[in-house]
Protein backbone atom coordinates (compact mmCIF):
# COMPACT_ATOMS: atom_id res chain seq x y z
CA MET A 1 -31.47 -47.71 -12.95
CA GLN A 2 -30.55 -44.07 -13.60
CA PHE A 3 -27.09 -42.82 -14.54
CA LEU A 4 -26.68 -39.16 -15.60
CA GLY A 5 -30.26 -39.15 -16.76
CA PHE A 6 -29.99 -42.32 -18.90
CA GLN A 7 -32.07 -45.37 -18.16
CA ARG A 8 -30.39 -48.77 -18.37
CA LEU A 9 -32.36 -51.10 -20.63
CA SER A 10 -33.30 -54.58 -19.46
CA PHE A 11 -33.51 -57.45 -21.95
CA SER A 12 -35.80 -60.40 -21.36
CA THR A 13 -33.56 -62.82 -23.26
CA ASP A 14 -30.08 -62.99 -24.78
CA LYS A 15 -31.78 -63.26 -28.16
CA ARG A 16 -33.38 -59.85 -27.68
CA LEU A 17 -29.99 -58.36 -26.72
CA LEU A 18 -28.40 -59.87 -29.85
CA GLN A 19 -31.16 -58.39 -32.04
CA VAL A 20 -30.57 -54.87 -30.67
CA ILE A 21 -26.80 -55.15 -31.21
CA ARG A 22 -27.33 -56.33 -34.82
CA GLN A 23 -29.70 -53.45 -35.52
CA LEU A 24 -27.15 -50.92 -34.23
CA ARG A 25 -24.54 -52.35 -36.59
CA GLN A 26 -26.69 -51.64 -39.65
CA ARG A 27 -25.85 -48.63 -41.83
CA ASP A 28 -29.26 -47.07 -41.11
CA PHE A 29 -29.71 -48.28 -37.56
CA THR A 30 -32.61 -47.47 -35.29
CA LEU A 31 -32.59 -47.31 -31.51
CA PRO A 32 -34.88 -49.48 -29.39
CA PRO A 33 -38.48 -48.22 -28.93
CA GLU A 34 -37.60 -46.94 -25.43
CA PHE A 35 -35.67 -44.08 -27.09
CA GLN A 36 -38.35 -43.04 -29.56
CA GLY A 37 -40.33 -39.83 -29.06
CA GLU A 38 -39.67 -36.38 -27.67
CA LYS A 39 -39.07 -37.52 -24.08
CA LYS A 40 -35.86 -39.38 -24.95
CA ALA A 41 -34.80 -37.28 -27.95
CA LEU A 42 -31.74 -35.84 -26.21
CA GLN A 43 -30.52 -39.23 -24.97
CA ALA A 44 -31.10 -40.73 -28.43
CA SER A 45 -29.03 -37.95 -30.03
CA ILE A 46 -26.12 -38.56 -27.67
CA ILE A 47 -26.18 -42.34 -28.16
CA LYS A 48 -26.29 -42.01 -31.96
CA SER A 49 -23.27 -39.70 -31.92
CA LEU A 50 -21.31 -42.15 -29.73
CA ILE A 51 -22.00 -45.21 -31.92
CA ASN A 52 -21.53 -43.43 -35.23
CA HIS A 53 -20.03 -45.83 -37.78
CA ARG A 54 -17.34 -43.26 -38.56
CA PRO A 55 -14.99 -43.06 -35.56
CA SER A 56 -13.77 -39.60 -36.63
CA GLU A 57 -17.30 -38.24 -36.17
CA ARG A 58 -17.73 -39.59 -32.65
CA PRO A 59 -17.32 -36.87 -30.01
CA THR A 60 -14.55 -37.13 -27.46
CA SER A 61 -15.39 -37.06 -23.77
CA ALA A 62 -14.21 -33.45 -23.58
CA GLU A 63 -16.37 -32.46 -26.56
CA LEU A 64 -19.37 -34.22 -25.08
CA LEU A 65 -18.94 -32.47 -21.73
CA ALA A 66 -18.58 -29.10 -23.46
CA SER A 67 -21.66 -29.68 -25.63
CA GLY A 68 -24.06 -28.98 -22.77
CA LYS A 69 -26.09 -32.09 -23.61
CA LEU A 70 -25.17 -34.09 -20.52
CA PRO A 71 -27.37 -33.36 -17.50
CA LEU A 72 -25.64 -31.83 -14.48
CA GLY A 73 -24.67 -34.04 -11.60
CA VAL A 74 -26.20 -33.47 -8.20
CA GLU A 75 -23.11 -31.65 -6.88
CA ASP A 76 -22.89 -29.42 -9.94
CA GLU A 77 -26.55 -28.49 -9.66
CA THR A 78 -26.18 -27.71 -5.95
CA MET A 79 -23.22 -25.46 -6.63
CA ARG A 80 -25.00 -23.74 -9.49
CA GLN A 81 -28.00 -22.97 -7.29
CA ALA A 82 -25.74 -21.71 -4.48
CA LEU A 83 -23.85 -19.37 -6.82
CA LYS A 84 -27.11 -18.12 -8.25
CA THR A 85 -28.39 -17.36 -4.75
CA PHE A 86 -25.20 -15.50 -3.79
CA SER A 87 -25.17 -13.41 -6.98
CA ASP A 88 -28.87 -12.50 -7.01
CA PRO A 89 -29.80 -9.98 -4.28
CA ASN A 90 -33.48 -10.47 -5.11
CA ASN A 91 -33.34 -14.15 -4.22
CA PRO A 92 -35.34 -14.74 -1.00
CA TYR A 93 -32.44 -16.73 0.48
CA HIS A 94 -29.75 -14.14 -0.36
CA GLN A 95 -29.94 -12.21 2.92
CA LYS A 96 -30.09 -15.44 4.93
CA LEU A 97 -26.89 -16.68 3.29
CA MET A 98 -25.20 -13.33 3.96
CA ARG A 99 -26.13 -13.50 7.64
CA VAL A 100 -24.76 -17.03 7.93
CA LEU A 101 -21.56 -16.03 6.13
CA PHE A 102 -20.92 -13.02 8.37
CA ALA A 103 -21.78 -14.95 11.54
CA GLN A 104 -18.74 -17.22 11.15
CA ALA A 105 -16.04 -16.83 13.77
CA PRO A 106 -12.51 -16.31 12.37
CA LYS A 107 -10.14 -19.25 12.61
CA GLU A 108 -7.60 -18.74 15.39
CA TYR A 109 -4.54 -19.37 13.22
CA LYS A 110 -5.73 -16.83 10.65
CA ASP A 111 -6.29 -14.30 13.41
CA LEU A 112 -2.76 -14.79 14.71
CA ALA A 113 -1.11 -14.74 11.27
CA TYR A 114 -3.13 -11.88 9.76
CA ASP A 115 -0.60 -9.15 10.60
CA SER A 116 2.50 -11.20 9.78
CA GLY A 117 4.92 -9.89 7.20
CA ARG A 118 4.58 -6.23 8.15
CA THR A 119 7.81 -4.24 8.38
CA SER A 120 8.31 -2.30 11.58
CA ALA A 121 9.03 1.41 11.23
CA THR A 122 11.62 3.03 13.48
CA ALA A 123 11.26 6.24 15.44
CA GLN A 124 13.45 7.93 12.82
CA ASP A 125 11.04 6.82 10.07
CA TYR A 126 8.07 8.39 11.89
CA LEU A 127 10.04 11.57 12.51
CA VAL A 128 10.89 11.92 8.80
CA GLN A 129 7.27 11.25 7.82
CA THR A 130 6.08 13.97 10.20
CA GLN A 131 8.61 16.46 8.80
CA VAL A 132 7.60 15.68 5.21
CA LYS A 133 3.90 16.06 6.03
CA GLU A 134 4.47 19.41 7.78
CA LYS A 135 6.52 20.66 4.83
CA LEU A 136 3.84 19.65 2.31
CA ILE A 137 1.06 21.21 4.38
CA SER A 138 2.95 24.52 4.47
CA ILE A 139 3.29 24.41 0.65
CA PHE A 140 -0.39 23.57 0.08
CA ARG A 141 -1.58 26.30 2.46
CA LYS A 142 0.69 28.86 0.78
CA HIS A 143 -1.28 28.13 -2.40
CA GLY A 144 -4.59 28.63 -0.61
CA ALA A 145 -5.59 24.95 -0.32
CA VAL A 146 -7.62 23.52 2.56
CA GLU A 147 -7.46 19.97 3.94
CA VAL A 148 -10.50 17.75 3.33
CA ASP A 149 -11.45 14.18 4.19
CA ARG A 150 -12.01 11.46 1.57
CA PRO A 151 -14.22 8.36 1.89
CA VAL A 152 -12.35 5.15 2.72
CA LEU A 153 -15.00 2.69 1.51
CA PHE A 154 -17.20 2.81 -1.57
CA PRO A 155 -18.73 0.48 -4.22
CA ARG A 156 -16.21 -1.48 -6.29
CA SER A 157 -15.05 0.46 -9.34
CA ARG A 158 -14.41 -1.22 -12.68
CA PHE A 159 -11.69 1.34 -13.47
CA TYR A 160 -9.13 -0.34 -11.21
CA PRO A 161 -7.04 -3.52 -11.70
CA GLY A 162 -7.53 -6.86 -10.03
CA ASN A 163 -5.27 -6.09 -7.08
CA ALA A 164 -7.68 -3.48 -5.68
CA VAL A 165 -8.84 -4.60 -2.23
CA GLN A 166 -12.45 -5.80 -2.47
CA LEU A 167 -14.85 -6.42 0.42
CA LEU A 168 -18.39 -7.67 0.92
CA ASP A 169 -20.75 -6.03 3.38
CA SER A 170 -23.50 -7.92 5.19
CA THR A 171 -26.00 -7.12 2.41
CA GLY A 172 -23.77 -8.67 -0.27
CA THR A 173 -22.68 -5.34 -1.81
CA LEU A 174 -19.17 -5.45 -3.32
CA LEU A 175 -17.04 -2.63 -1.91
CA GLN A 176 -13.48 -1.37 -2.39
CA LEU A 177 -10.83 0.22 -0.21
CA PRO A 178 -9.04 3.23 -1.79
CA TYR A 179 -6.62 2.25 -4.55
CA ASP A 180 -5.66 5.92 -4.75
CA LEU A 181 -7.08 9.20 -3.45
CA THR A 182 -8.32 10.31 -6.87
CA LEU A 183 -11.48 8.20 -7.12
CA PRO A 184 -12.87 9.27 -3.72
CA ASN A 185 -12.45 12.91 -4.75
CA ALA A 186 -14.08 12.30 -8.14
CA ARG A 187 -17.08 10.66 -6.45
CA ALA A 188 -17.41 13.62 -4.06
CA LEU A 189 -17.23 16.14 -6.93
CA ALA A 190 -19.96 14.27 -8.79
CA ARG A 191 -22.32 14.81 -5.85
CA GLU A 192 -21.60 18.43 -4.93
CA GLU A 193 -19.24 21.33 -5.42
CA PRO A 194 -16.09 21.24 -3.29
CA PRO A 195 -15.85 23.60 -0.29
CA CYS A 196 -12.81 25.17 -1.93
CA ALA A 197 -11.30 25.13 -5.41
CA LYS A 198 -7.95 24.01 -3.99
CA THR A 199 -7.87 21.04 -1.61
CA TYR A 200 -5.43 18.47 -0.30
CA THR A 201 -5.65 15.30 1.73
CA PHE A 202 -3.40 12.68 3.31
CA GLY A 203 -4.56 9.08 3.38
CA THR A 204 -3.77 5.39 3.09
CA VAL A 205 -4.21 3.41 -0.13
CA TYR A 206 -4.29 -0.37 -0.42
CA ARG A 207 -3.25 -3.25 -2.66
CA GLU A 208 -4.48 -6.82 -2.26
CA LYS A 209 -1.94 -9.32 -0.93
CA PRO A 210 -2.02 -12.41 -3.22
CA ALA A 211 -1.38 -14.81 -0.33
CA GLY A 212 -4.13 -13.29 1.81
CA GLY A 213 -3.83 -11.49 5.11
CA GLN A 214 -3.63 -7.78 5.77
CA PRO A 215 -3.46 -5.86 2.45
CA PHE A 216 -0.38 -3.95 1.40
CA SER A 217 -0.78 -0.27 2.26
CA HIS A 218 1.14 2.95 1.88
CA LEU A 219 0.58 6.63 2.53
CA GLU A 220 -0.41 9.01 -0.24
CA VAL A 221 -0.97 12.75 -0.51
CA ASP A 222 -3.34 14.31 -3.03
CA PHE A 223 -3.41 17.97 -4.10
CA ASP A 224 -6.28 19.07 -6.34
CA ILE A 225 -7.42 22.21 -8.11
CA VAL A 226 -10.97 22.25 -9.43
CA SER A 227 -11.40 24.64 -12.34
CA PHE A 228 -14.81 26.14 -13.12
CA ASP A 229 -13.65 28.00 -16.23
CA LEU A 230 -11.96 26.46 -19.27
CA GLN A 231 -10.13 29.72 -19.86
CA ASP A 232 -7.90 29.29 -16.82
CA LEU A 233 -6.88 25.64 -17.29
CA ALA A 234 -3.36 26.61 -18.39
CA LEU A 235 -2.96 28.76 -15.30
CA GLN A 236 -4.19 25.98 -13.00
CA GLU A 237 -1.85 23.47 -14.61
CA ALA A 238 1.04 25.84 -14.15
CA GLU A 239 0.23 26.17 -10.44
CA VAL A 240 0.14 22.39 -10.04
CA VAL A 241 3.57 22.16 -11.67
CA LYS A 242 4.77 24.89 -9.27
CA VAL A 243 3.48 22.88 -6.27
CA ILE A 244 5.29 19.78 -7.52
CA ASP A 245 8.46 21.81 -8.01
CA GLU A 246 8.26 23.24 -4.48
CA SER A 247 7.64 19.76 -3.07
CA GLY A 248 10.72 18.30 -4.74
CA CYS A 249 12.93 19.15 -1.80
CA PRO A 250 15.45 17.01 0.19
CA PHE A 251 12.55 15.82 2.36
CA LEU A 252 10.92 13.97 -0.54
CA ALA A 253 14.26 12.78 -1.87
CA ALA A 254 14.85 10.96 1.41
CA VAL A 255 11.66 8.87 1.50
CA GLN A 256 9.72 6.65 -0.92
CA TRP A 257 6.35 6.18 0.73
CA TRP A 258 4.50 9.18 -0.75
């Protein structure tokens, strides 16, 4: 009979059982012949630690589980193999698992409850947002900036906290929705020069909702000046401060979503 990799011994007579028990009680005890040799060395080591004559030197159940000596149960091994398959894109079953995962139909109750908890904006809210956006655009254009688009989906970045919204695509690649509008711009600048030294963009940034459902989101505006000369950094910084000063008008004092 097998139990966690250990074989239960069978004794032909009660006398044989008594002999084994007496041997184990000796100061220098030896295990039965079934546990001699390399094949049963691990089991023998565990048994010797459990029947140590000094109780203080016997491992607790928690210590024994943490030692890594006990073989994994069937369920643990299945889970370990599944996690290994999910995390290894080179595994031949990885793509198959991804297809099965993305083929699942959403549960109806989750579909109905996904948008719950959102606050409804009034017509006045939208009017104020439009006025603020128009005011900011006029300021940015006065400084010679042009509006550009920013990517809304890109590989997960390690520079952001745990509440960044993470997604998996059908190939198993971990992606991220914008946490701010800075990272998308930095990724674009790493690939090529911007179309203009001064740019701005309006977009939506996201935070993960701990309870699940649609992520928290809010609008954000980003104004950037790319400097190609270290000599003019002070001048560029001064212009950014000027833009912030011009934007600090009653429009921005009336809203909190930028």
